[in-house]
Amino acid sequence: MDDPFTFGAIATTNALSDVYAMGGTPLTALNISCFPSDNYPPDVLADVIAGGMSVLNRAGVSLLGGHTVKDSEFKFGVSVTGICHPDQILTNRAACPGDVLVLTKPIGTGVFTTALKRGVITADDVADLVDSMLLLNNGPITICKTLGIPSVVHAATDITGYGLLGHLSHWVRESHIGLQINVSQVPFFDGLENLVEQGCVPGGTYANADFSAEYVSGRQFISDGTWLSLNDPQTSGGLCLALDAAFADAFLSKMQAAGLSAWIIGDVTITQPGMITLVV
């Protein structure tokens, strides 16, 4: 993002997701900045850090300090430490046959930010996207804890740089289950397909697609654009959860009551273990 404050806020929201995805509570953070001081005034870095601090305050996380170095490329991130009861840790290895897969944010941030960088769209076209990237993943995890971890909610991951299929490929690699994804139920940001057709595809998408292809069946039933979208690298994406199907309605209802969105995109199977099956 061109706005330093928003850049810092999104980067920090993204960093906190790793703790939330394991069912944890983030407690402390350290800033890590690489700053091209020959190209930007100090106020820019101050605004980035202020954006990050606004998210940490919202999440109840204490900033302990940080480290800044001079670099030719602007980089900013947050190292986060959190806690979780050892009996309530969520991993990507414990999905159970019969579970439903729930996704909590739409897909498409990689394509849209690429289109923005290339001038294909304007900042006004990504307002919903920015709101999504700034949304903490603590809400879904709080609901998961209410329902029960690991008795009801069995597995989780945040969807970030590897894309939806890349992250779920790790699930089927790490456990003796298969996944079935109903592609028509996967939420995409409005206009995503059009931008993909215009070639607004980040380079990481192709690397993700090469990786996930080994673990996916049914590729031939979807378009090239949909295939790339399912492998789109996300920034500050949502959570994908595997939970007992008997509690799916309760989870969706609690999400709606909290003003949050969620979509059932598939289920966990015992057929084709080690594979993700795409259905349309």
C-alpha atoms as a PDB file:
ATOM      1  CA  MET A   1       0.000   0.000   0.000  1.00  0.00           C
ATOM      2  CA  ASP A   2       1.178   3.557  -0.700  1.00  0.00           C
ATOM      3  CA  ASP A   3      -0.151   4.807   2.640  1.00  0.00           C
ATOM      4  CA  PRO A   4       2.558   4.146   5.267  1.00  0.00           C
ATOM      5  CA  PHE A   5       0.121   3.887   8.181  1.00  0.00           C
ATOM      6  CA  THR A   6      -2.016   1.293   6.375  1.00  0.00           C
ATOM      7  CA  PHE A   7       1.088  -0.602   5.253  1.00  0.00           C
ATOM      8  CA  GLY A   8       2.261  -0.965   8.848  1.00  0.00           C
ATOM      9  CA  ALA A   9      -1.204  -1.925  10.066  1.00  0.00           C
ATOM     10  CA  ILE A  10      -1.661  -4.668   7.457  1.00  0.00           C
ATOM     11  CA  ALA A  11       1.821  -6.078   8.035  1.00  0.00           C
ATOM     12  CA  THR A  12       1.134  -6.291  11.755  1.00  0.00           C
ATOM     13  CA  THR A  13      -2.308  -7.854  11.299  1.00  0.00           C
ATOM     14  CA  ASN A  14      -0.706 -10.464   9.060  1.00  0.00           C
ATOM     15  CA  ALA A  15       1.977 -11.277  11.634  1.00  0.00           C
ATOM     16  CA  LEU A  16      -0.532 -11.797  14.443  1.00  0.00           C
ATOM     17  CA  SER A  17      -2.394 -14.395  12.392  1.00  0.00           C
ATOM     18  CA  ASP A  18       0.243 -17.061  12.973  1.00  0.00           C
ATOM     19  CA  VAL A  19      -0.551 -17.059  16.685  1.00  0.00           C
ATOM     20  CA  TYR A  20      -4.316 -16.953  16.192  1.00  0.00           C
ATOM     21  CA  ALA A  21      -4.138 -19.827  13.696  1.00  0.00           C
ATOM     22  CA  MET A  22      -2.724 -22.081  16.418  1.00  0.00           C
ATOM     23  CA  GLY A  23      -5.451 -21.127  18.872  1.00  0.00           C
ATOM     24  CA  GLY A  24      -3.106 -18.876  20.790  1.00  0.00           C
ATOM     25  CA  THR A  25      -3.259 -15.427  22.328  1.00  0.00           C
ATOM     26  CA  PRO A  26      -0.548 -12.963  21.221  1.00  0.00           C
ATOM     27  CA  LEU A  27       1.077 -11.106  24.110  1.00  0.00           C
ATOM     28  CA  THR A  28       4.193  -9.241  22.949  1.00  0.00           C
ATOM     29  CA  ALA A  29       5.784  -8.036  19.726  1.00  0.00           C
ATOM     30  CA  LEU A  30       9.038  -6.655  18.343  1.00  0.00           C
ATOM     31  CA  ASN A  31       9.208  -4.411  15.275  1.00  0.00           C
ATOM     32  CA  ILE A  32      11.655  -5.285  12.491  1.00  0.00           C
ATOM     33  CA  SER A  33      12.284  -2.510   9.961  1.00  0.00           C
ATOM     34  CA  CYS A  34      14.544  -2.171   6.926  1.00  0.00           C
ATOM     35  CA  PHE A  35      14.431   1.479   5.893  1.00  0.00           C
ATOM     36  CA  PRO A  36      15.869   3.187   2.774  1.00  0.00           C
ATOM     37  CA  SER A  37      16.616   6.457   4.539  1.00  0.00           C
ATOM     38  CA  ASP A  38      18.159   7.955   1.391  1.00  0.00           C
ATOM     39  CA  ASN A  39      14.791   7.730  -0.347  1.00  0.00           C
ATOM     40  CA  TYR A  40      12.247   8.425   2.393  1.00  0.00           C
ATOM     41  CA  PRO A  41      12.038  10.939   5.242  1.00  0.00           C
ATOM     42  CA  PRO A  42      11.899   9.612   8.822  1.00  0.00           C
ATOM     43  CA  ASP A  43       8.196  10.533   9.047  1.00  0.00           C
ATOM     44  CA  VAL A  44       7.372   7.671   6.680  1.00  0.00           C
ATOM     45  CA  LEU A  45       8.896   5.094   9.019  1.00  0.00           C
ATOM     46  CA  ALA A  46       7.173   6.749  11.964  1.00  0.00           C
ATOM     47  CA  ASP A  47       3.812   6.402  10.198  1.00  0.00           C
ATOM     48  CA  VAL A  48       4.463   2.727   9.403  1.00  0.00           C
ATOM     49  CA  ILE A  49       5.280   1.998  13.033  1.00  0.00           C
ATOM     50  CA  ALA A  50       2.226   3.991  14.164  1.00  0.00           C
ATOM     51  CA  GLY A  51       0.049   1.856  11.878  1.00  0.00           C
ATOM     52  CA  GLY A  52       1.477  -1.288  13.385  1.00  0.00           C
ATOM     53  CA  MET A  53       1.033   0.083  16.880  1.00  0.00           C
ATOM     54  CA  SER A  54      -2.641   0.802  16.220  1.00  0.00           C
ATOM     55  CA  VAL A  55      -3.198  -2.891  15.486  1.00  0.00           C
ATOM     56  CA  LEU A  56      -1.178  -4.073  18.476  1.00  0.00           C
ATOM     57  CA  ASN A  57      -3.267  -1.816  20.720  1.00  0.00           C
ATOM     58  CA  ARG A  58      -6.463  -3.221  19.226  1.00  0.00           C
ATOM     59  CA  ALA A  59      -5.200  -6.765  19.811  1.00  0.00           C
ATOM     60  CA  GLY A  60      -4.028  -6.072  23.367  1.00  0.00           C
ATOM     61  CA  VAL A  61      -0.395  -6.814  22.476  1.00  0.00           C
ATOM     62  CA  SER A  62       2.538  -5.014  24.116  1.00  0.00           C
ATOM     63  CA  LEU A  63       5.328  -3.681  21.897  1.00  0.00           C
ATOM     64  CA  LEU A  64       8.638  -4.421  23.632  1.00  0.00           C
ATOM     65  CA  GLY A  65      10.905  -2.695  21.145  1.00  0.00           C
ATOM     66  CA  GLY A  66      12.444  -3.523  17.811  1.00  0.00           C
ATOM     67  CA  HIS A  67      15.324  -3.178  15.403  1.00  0.00           C
ATOM     68  CA  THR A  68      15.790  -0.925  12.380  1.00  0.00           C
ATOM     69  CA  VAL A  69      18.523  -1.131   9.758  1.00  0.00           C
ATOM     70  CA  LYS A  70      19.262   0.859   6.623  1.00  0.00           C
ATOM     71  CA  ASP A  71      18.420  -1.054   3.452  1.00  0.00           C
ATOM     72  CA  SER A  72      17.765  -0.371  -0.214  1.00  0.00           C
ATOM     73  CA  GLU A  73      14.259  -1.847   0.010  1.00  0.00           C
ATOM     74  CA  PHE A  74      11.575  -0.876   2.516  1.00  0.00           C
ATOM     75  CA  LYS A  75      10.605  -3.848   4.707  1.00  0.00           C
ATOM     76  CA  PHE A  76       8.557  -3.976   7.868  1.00  0.00           C
ATOM     77  CA  GLY A  77       7.324  -6.828  10.003  1.00  0.00           C
ATOM     78  CA  VAL A  78       6.536  -7.855  13.542  1.00  0.00           C
ATOM     79  CA  SER A  79       7.866 -10.789  15.550  1.00  0.00           C
ATOM     80  CA  VAL A  80       5.055 -11.957  17.821  1.00  0.00           C
ATOM     81  CA  THR A  81       5.092 -14.096  20.952  1.00  0.00           C
ATOM     82  CA  GLY A  82       1.920 -15.636  22.333  1.00  0.00           C
ATOM     83  CA  ILE A  83       0.635 -18.362  24.633  1.00  0.00           C
ATOM     84  CA  CYS A  84      -1.666 -21.336  24.234  1.00  0.00           C
ATOM     85  CA  HIS A  85      -2.653 -24.187  26.533  1.00  0.00           C
ATOM     86  CA  PRO A  86      -0.791 -27.306  25.317  1.00  0.00           C
ATOM     87  CA  ASP A  87      -4.049 -29.267  25.141  1.00  0.00           C
ATOM     88  CA  GLN A  88      -5.713 -26.617  22.968  1.00  0.00           C
ATOM     89  CA  ILE A  89      -3.148 -26.018  20.242  1.00  0.00           C
ATOM     90  CA  LEU A  90      -4.514 -26.056  16.706  1.00  0.00           C
ATOM     91  CA  THR A  91      -2.294 -27.572  14.029  1.00  0.00           C
ATOM     92  CA  ASN A  92      -2.626 -28.521  10.360  1.00  0.00           C
ATOM     93  CA  ARG A  93      -2.365 -32.255  11.132  1.00  0.00           C
ATOM     94  CA  ALA A  94      -5.552 -33.115  13.025  1.00  0.00           C
ATOM     95  CA  ALA A  95      -8.438 -32.742  10.566  1.00  0.00           C
ATOM     96  CA  CYS A  96     -10.916 -35.624  10.859  1.00  0.00           C
ATOM     97  CA  PRO A  97     -12.977 -37.355   8.151  1.00  0.00           C
ATOM     98  CA  GLY A  98     -16.453 -35.819   8.165  1.00  0.00           C
ATOM     99  CA  ASP A  99     -15.220 -32.380   9.210  1.00  0.00           C
ATOM    100  CA  VAL A 100     -16.327 -29.379   7.195  1.00  0.00           C
ATOM    101  CA  LEU A 101     -13.855 -26.811   5.916  1.00  0.00           C
ATOM    102  CA  VAL A 102     -14.686 -23.201   6.742  1.00  0.00           C
ATOM    103  CA  LEU A 103     -12.961 -20.133   5.285  1.00  0.00           C
ATOM    104  CA  THR A 104     -13.259 -16.753   7.025  1.00  0.00           C
ATOM    105  CA  LYS A 105     -12.067 -14.249   4.388  1.00  0.00           C
ATOM    106  CA  PRO A 106     -12.421 -14.014   0.592  1.00  0.00           C
ATOM    107  CA  ILE A 107      -9.510 -14.835  -1.726  1.00  0.00           C
ATOM    108  CA  GLY A 108      -7.784 -12.433  -4.112  1.00  0.00           C
ATOM    109  CA  THR A 109      -5.505  -9.987  -2.296  1.00  0.00           C
ATOM    110  CA  GLY A 110      -2.455 -10.913  -4.369  1.00  0.00           C
ATOM    111  CA  VAL A 111      -4.161 -10.253  -7.691  1.00  0.00           C
ATOM    112  CA  PHE A 112      -5.770  -6.998  -6.545  1.00  0.00           C
ATOM    113  CA  THR A 113      -2.589  -5.529  -5.069  1.00  0.00           C
ATOM    114  CA  THR A 114      -0.722  -6.482  -8.246  1.00  0.00           C
ATOM    115  CA  ALA A 115      -3.381  -4.731 -10.312  1.00  0.00           C
ATOM    116  CA  LEU A 116      -3.077  -1.674  -8.059  1.00  0.00           C
ATOM    117  CA  LYS A 117       0.709  -1.555  -8.512  1.00  0.00           C
ATOM    118  CA  ARG A 118       0.270  -1.722 -12.293  1.00  0.00           C
ATOM    119  CA  GLY A 119      -2.298   1.052 -12.350  1.00  0.00           C
ATOM    120  CA  VAL A 120      -5.066  -1.194 -13.649  1.00  0.00           C
ATOM    121  CA  ILE A 121      -7.279  -0.241 -10.700  1.00  0.00           C
ATOM    122  CA  THR A 122      -7.298   2.611  -8.187  1.00  0.00           C
ATOM    123  CA  ALA A 123      -7.164   2.775  -4.402  1.00  0.00           C
ATOM    124  CA  ASP A 124     -10.951   3.165  -4.355  1.00  0.00           C
ATOM    125  CA  ASP A 125     -11.245  -0.277  -5.968  1.00  0.00           C
ATOM    126  CA  VAL A 126      -9.452  -1.973  -3.065  1.00  0.00           C
ATOM    127  CA  ALA A 127     -11.337  -0.416  -0.132  1.00  0.00           C
ATOM    128  CA  ASP A 128     -13.080  -3.720   0.738  1.00  0.00           C
ATOM    129  CA  LEU A 129      -9.791  -5.537   0.264  1.00  0.00           C
ATOM    130  CA  VAL A 130      -8.008  -3.248   2.734  1.00  0.00           C
ATOM    131  CA  ASP A 131     -10.784  -3.690   5.282  1.00  0.00           C
ATOM    132  CA  SER A 132     -10.371  -7.465   4.964  1.00  0.00           C
ATOM    133  CA  MET A 133      -6.586  -7.326   5.382  1.00  0.00           C
ATOM    134  CA  LEU A 134      -6.985  -5.144   8.476  1.00  0.00           C
ATOM    135  CA  LEU A 135      -9.441  -7.552  10.094  1.00  0.00           C
ATOM    136  CA  LEU A 136      -7.804  -9.518  12.900  1.00  0.00           C
ATOM    137  CA  ASN A 137      -8.334 -13.273  12.973  1.00  0.00           C
ATOM    138  CA  ASN A 138      -9.026 -13.269  16.705  1.00  0.00           C
ATOM    139  CA  GLY A 139     -12.805 -13.217  16.198  1.00  0.00           C
ATOM    140  CA  PRO A 140     -13.097 -16.675  14.602  1.00  0.00           C
ATOM    141  CA  ILE A 141     -10.642 -18.134  17.113  1.00  0.00           C
ATOM    142  CA  THR A 142     -12.630 -16.763  20.048  1.00  0.00           C
ATOM    143  CA  ILE A 143     -15.696 -18.528  18.648  1.00  0.00           C
ATOM    144  CA  CYS A 144     -13.672 -21.716  18.139  1.00  0.00           C
ATOM    145  CA  LYS A 145     -12.673 -21.637  21.803  1.00  0.00           C
ATOM    146  CA  THR A 146     -16.315 -21.187  22.792  1.00  0.00           C
ATOM    147  CA  LEU A 147     -17.311 -24.280  20.797  1.00  0.00           C
ATOM    148  CA  GLY A 148     -14.301 -26.302  21.912  1.00  0.00           C
ATOM    149  CA  ILE A 149     -10.686 -26.861  20.850  1.00  0.00           C
ATOM    150  CA  PRO A 150      -9.839 -29.599  19.958  1.00  0.00           C
ATOM    151  CA  SER A 151     -13.145 -31.354  20.672  1.00  0.00           C
ATOM    152  CA  VAL A 152     -15.088 -29.485  17.954  1.00  0.00           C
ATOM    153  CA  VAL A 153     -12.502 -27.495  16.013  1.00  0.00           C
ATOM    154  CA  HIS A 154      -9.783 -29.912  14.981  1.00  0.00           C
ATOM    155  CA  ALA A 155      -7.364 -28.066  12.675  1.00  0.00           C
ATOM    156  CA  ALA A 156      -6.598 -24.594  11.385  1.00  0.00           C
ATOM    157  CA  THR A 157      -4.281 -22.563   9.222  1.00  0.00           C
ATOM    158  CA  ASP A 158      -4.131 -18.964   8.149  1.00  0.00           C
ATOM    159  CA  ILE A 159      -4.238 -18.456   4.382  1.00  0.00           C
ATOM    160  CA  THR A 160      -1.275 -16.291   3.423  1.00  0.00           C
ATOM    161  CA  GLY A 161       1.601 -16.526   0.961  1.00  0.00           C
ATOM    162  CA  TYR A 162       1.125 -20.120  -0.204  1.00  0.00           C
ATOM    163  CA  GLY A 163      -2.456 -19.489  -1.328  1.00  0.00           C
ATOM    164  CA  LEU A 164      -5.507 -21.540  -0.400  1.00  0.00           C
ATOM    165  CA  LEU A 165      -4.390 -24.741  -2.144  1.00  0.00           C
ATOM    166  CA  GLY A 166      -0.803 -24.381  -1.024  1.00  0.00           C
ATOM    167  CA  HIS A 167      -1.726 -24.186   2.648  1.00  0.00           C
ATOM    168  CA  LEU A 168      -4.222 -27.041   2.365  1.00  0.00           C
ATOM    169  CA  SER A 169      -1.588 -29.121   0.570  1.00  0.00           C
ATOM    170  CA  HIS A 170       0.325 -29.103   3.842  1.00  0.00           C
ATOM    171  CA  TRP A 171      -2.772 -30.550   5.548  1.00  0.00           C
ATOM    172  CA  VAL A 172      -2.938 -33.574   3.270  1.00  0.00           C
ATOM    173  CA  ARG A 173       0.831 -34.042   3.415  1.00  0.00           C
ATOM    174  CA  GLU A 174       0.858 -34.081   7.200  1.00  0.00           C
ATOM    175  CA  SER A 175      -2.139 -36.356   7.848  1.00  0.00           C
ATOM    176  CA  HIS A 176      -3.836 -39.404   6.370  1.00  0.00           C
ATOM    177  CA  ILE A 177      -6.889 -37.585   5.065  1.00  0.00           C
ATOM    178  CA  GLY A 178      -8.160 -36.141   1.827  1.00  0.00           C
ATOM    179  CA  LEU A 179      -9.912 -32.842   1.220  1.00  0.00           C
ATOM    180  CA  GLN A 180     -12.756 -32.067  -1.135  1.00  0.00           C
ATOM    181  CA  ILE A 181     -13.129 -28.423  -2.175  1.00  0.00           C
ATOM    182  CA  ASN A 182     -16.364 -27.197  -3.729  1.00  0.00           C
ATOM    183  CA  VAL A 183     -14.869 -24.527  -5.957  1.00  0.00           C
ATOM    184  CA  SER A 184     -18.208 -22.782  -6.472  1.00  0.00           C
ATOM    185  CA  GLN A 185     -18.410 -22.153  -2.706  1.00  0.00           C
ATOM    186  CA  VAL A 186     -14.977 -20.539  -2.374  1.00  0.00           C
ATOM    187  CA  PRO A 187     -15.438 -16.777  -1.821  1.00  0.00           C
ATOM    188  CA  PHE A 188     -13.487 -14.545  -4.203  1.00  0.00           C
ATOM    189  CA  PHE A 189     -13.366 -10.764  -4.134  1.00  0.00           C
ATOM    190  CA  ASP A 190     -15.660  -9.256  -6.775  1.00  0.00           C
ATOM    191  CA  GLY A 191     -13.840  -8.639 -10.049  1.00  0.00           C
ATOM    192  CA  LEU A 192     -11.033 -11.112  -9.362  1.00  0.00           C
ATOM    193  CA  GLU A 193     -11.611 -13.208 -12.480  1.00  0.00           C
ATOM    194  CA  ASN A 194     -11.516 -10.142 -14.719  1.00  0.00           C
ATOM    195  CA  LEU A 195      -8.183  -9.004 -13.267  1.00  0.00           C
ATOM    196  CA  VAL A 196      -6.688 -12.477 -13.690  1.00  0.00           C
ATOM    197  CA  GLU A 197      -7.769 -12.455 -17.333  1.00  0.00           C
ATOM    198  CA  GLN A 198      -5.932  -9.142 -17.715  1.00  0.00           C
ATOM    199  CA  GLY A 199      -2.745 -10.800 -16.455  1.00  0.00           C
ATOM    200  CA  CYS A 200      -2.639  -9.132 -13.039  1.00  0.00           C
ATOM    201  CA  VAL A 201      -1.135 -12.232 -11.448  1.00  0.00           C
ATOM    202  CA  PRO A 202       1.735 -12.006  -8.938  1.00  0.00           C
ATOM    203  CA  GLY A 203       4.742 -14.173  -9.709  1.00  0.00           C
ATOM    204  CA  GLY A 204       4.312 -16.178  -6.525  1.00  0.00           C
ATOM    205  CA  THR A 205       1.030 -17.551  -7.850  1.00  0.00           C
ATOM    206  CA  TYR A 206       2.823 -19.660 -10.435  1.00  0.00           C
ATOM    207  CA  ALA A 207       5.254 -21.064  -7.868  1.00  0.00           C
ATOM    208  CA  ASN A 208       2.298 -21.903  -5.625  1.00  0.00           C
ATOM    209  CA  ALA A 209       0.493 -23.618  -8.500  1.00  0.00           C
ATOM    210  CA  ASP A 210       3.559 -25.711  -9.352  1.00  0.00           C
ATOM    211  CA  PHE A 211       3.754 -26.859  -5.734  1.00  0.00           C
ATOM    212  CA  SER A 212       0.075 -27.597  -5.125  1.00  0.00           C
ATOM    213  CA  ALA A 213      -0.481 -29.391  -8.464  1.00  0.00           C
ATOM    214  CA  GLU A 214       1.118 -32.549  -7.035  1.00  0.00           C
ATOM    215  CA  TYR A 215      -1.584 -32.733  -4.364  1.00  0.00           C
ATOM    216  CA  VAL A 216      -4.645 -31.727  -6.407  1.00  0.00           C
ATOM    217  CA  SER A 217      -7.036 -33.763  -8.543  1.00  0.00           C
ATOM    218  CA  GLY A 218      -9.812 -32.262 -10.656  1.00  0.00           C
ATOM    219  CA  ARG A 219      -7.664 -29.470 -12.050  1.00  0.00           C
ATOM    220  CA  GLN A 220      -9.062 -30.227 -15.519  1.00  0.00           C
ATOM    221  CA  PHE A 221     -12.595 -29.295 -14.457  1.00  0.00           C
ATOM    222  CA  ILE A 222     -11.833 -25.649 -13.662  1.00  0.00           C
ATOM    223  CA  SER A 223     -10.624 -22.714 -15.742  1.00  0.00           C
ATOM    224  CA  ASP A 224      -7.042 -21.482 -15.752  1.00  0.00           C
ATOM    225  CA  GLY A 225      -8.219 -18.289 -14.071  1.00  0.00           C
ATOM    226  CA  THR A 226      -9.887 -20.177 -11.229  1.00  0.00           C
ATOM    227  CA  TRP A 227      -6.813 -22.376 -10.830  1.00  0.00           C
ATOM    228  CA  LEU A 228      -4.583 -19.314 -10.488  1.00  0.00           C
ATOM    229  CA  SER A 229      -7.045 -17.687  -8.082  1.00  0.00           C
ATOM    230  CA  LEU A 230      -6.978 -20.742  -5.809  1.00  0.00           C
ATOM    231  CA  ASN A 231      -3.189 -20.391  -5.706  1.00  0.00           C
ATOM    232  CA  ASP A 232      -3.149 -16.608  -5.276  1.00  0.00           C
ATOM    233  CA  PRO A 233      -0.724 -15.606  -2.475  1.00  0.00           C
ATOM    234  CA  GLN A 234      -2.678 -13.772   0.216  1.00  0.00           C
ATOM    235  CA  THR A 235      -1.607 -10.961   2.473  1.00  0.00           C
ATOM    236  CA  SER A 236      -3.362 -11.069   5.862  1.00  0.00           C
ATOM    237  CA  GLY A 237      -5.871 -13.643   4.651  1.00  0.00           C
ATOM    238  CA  GLY A 238      -8.439 -15.458   6.727  1.00  0.00           C
ATOM    239  CA  LEU A 239      -8.422 -18.763   8.551  1.00  0.00           C
ATOM    240  CA  CYS A 240      -9.348 -22.144   7.141  1.00  0.00           C
ATOM    241  CA  LEU A 241     -10.797 -24.364   9.856  1.00  0.00           C
ATOM    242  CA  ALA A 242     -11.706 -28.047  10.027  1.00  0.00           C
ATOM    243  CA  LEU A 243     -14.562 -28.543  12.466  1.00  0.00           C
ATOM    244  CA  ASP A 244     -17.115 -31.161  13.381  1.00  0.00           C
ATOM    245  CA  ALA A 245     -19.933 -30.905  10.823  1.00  0.00           C
ATOM    246  CA  ALA A 246     -22.532 -31.132  13.604  1.00  0.00           C
ATOM    247  CA  PHE A 247     -21.359 -27.719  14.847  1.00  0.00           C
ATOM    248  CA  ALA A 248     -21.091 -25.987  11.464  1.00  0.00           C
ATOM    249  CA  ASP A 249     -24.386 -24.121  11.801  1.00  0.00           C
ATOM    250  CA  ALA A 250     -23.510 -23.005  15.315  1.00  0.00           C
ATOM    251  CA  PHE A 251     -20.169 -21.666  14.142  1.00  0.00           C
ATOM    252  CA  LEU A 252     -21.705 -19.793  11.215  1.00  0.00           C
ATOM    253  CA  SER A 253     -24.414 -18.335  13.445  1.00  0.00           C
ATOM    254  CA  LYS A 254     -21.902 -17.086  15.998  1.00  0.00           C
ATOM    255  CA  MET A 255     -19.784 -15.564  13.237  1.00  0.00           C
ATOM    256  CA  GLN A 256     -22.808 -13.765  11.813  1.00  0.00           C
ATOM    257  CA  ALA A 257     -23.812 -12.515  15.263  1.00  0.00           C
ATOM    258  CA  ALA A 258     -20.298 -11.096  15.658  1.00  0.00           C
ATOM    259  CA  GLY A 259     -20.550  -9.295  12.316  1.00  0.00           C
ATOM    260  CA  LEU A 260     -18.064 -11.670  10.694  1.00  0.00           C
ATOM    261  CA  SER A 261     -18.242 -13.735   7.522  1.00  0.00           C
ATOM    262  CA  ALA A 262     -17.552 -17.425   6.948  1.00  0.00           C
ATOM    263  CA  TRP A 263     -18.121 -19.885   4.124  1.00  0.00           C
ATOM    264  CA  ILE A 264     -18.217 -23.693   4.072  1.00  0.00           C
ATOM    265  CA  ILE A 265     -15.989 -24.579   1.129  1.00  0.00           C
ATOM    266  CA  GLY A 266     -15.650 -28.350   1.421  1.00  0.00           C
ATOM    267  CA  ASP A 267     -15.053 -31.254   3.740  1.00  0.00           C
ATOM    268  CA  VAL A 268     -12.522 -33.760   4.990  1.00  0.00           C
ATOM    269  CA  THR A 269     -12.697 -37.241   3.488  1.00  0.00           C
ATOM    270  CA  ILE A 270     -11.097 -40.657   3.808  1.00  0.00           C
ATOM    271  CA  THR A 271     -11.055 -41.105   0.033  1.00  0.00           C
ATOM    272  CA  GLN A 272      -7.905 -40.174  -1.863  1.00  0.00           C
ATOM    273  CA  PRO A 273      -5.785 -39.564   1.235  1.00  0.00           C
ATOM    274  CA  GLY A 274      -3.012 -37.128   0.551  1.00  0.00           C
ATOM    275  CA  MET A 275      -5.007 -35.359  -2.156  1.00  0.00           C
ATOM    276  CA  ILE A 276      -7.227 -32.305  -2.558  1.00  0.00           C
ATOM    277  CA  THR A 277     -10.145 -33.051  -4.881  1.00  0.00           C
ATOM    278  CA  LEU A 278     -11.693 -30.085  -6.676  1.00  0.00           C
ATOM    279  CA  VAL A 279     -15.402 -30.366  -7.519  1.00  0.00           C
ATOM    280  CA  VAL A 280     -17.599 -27.880  -9.345  1.00  0.00           C
END
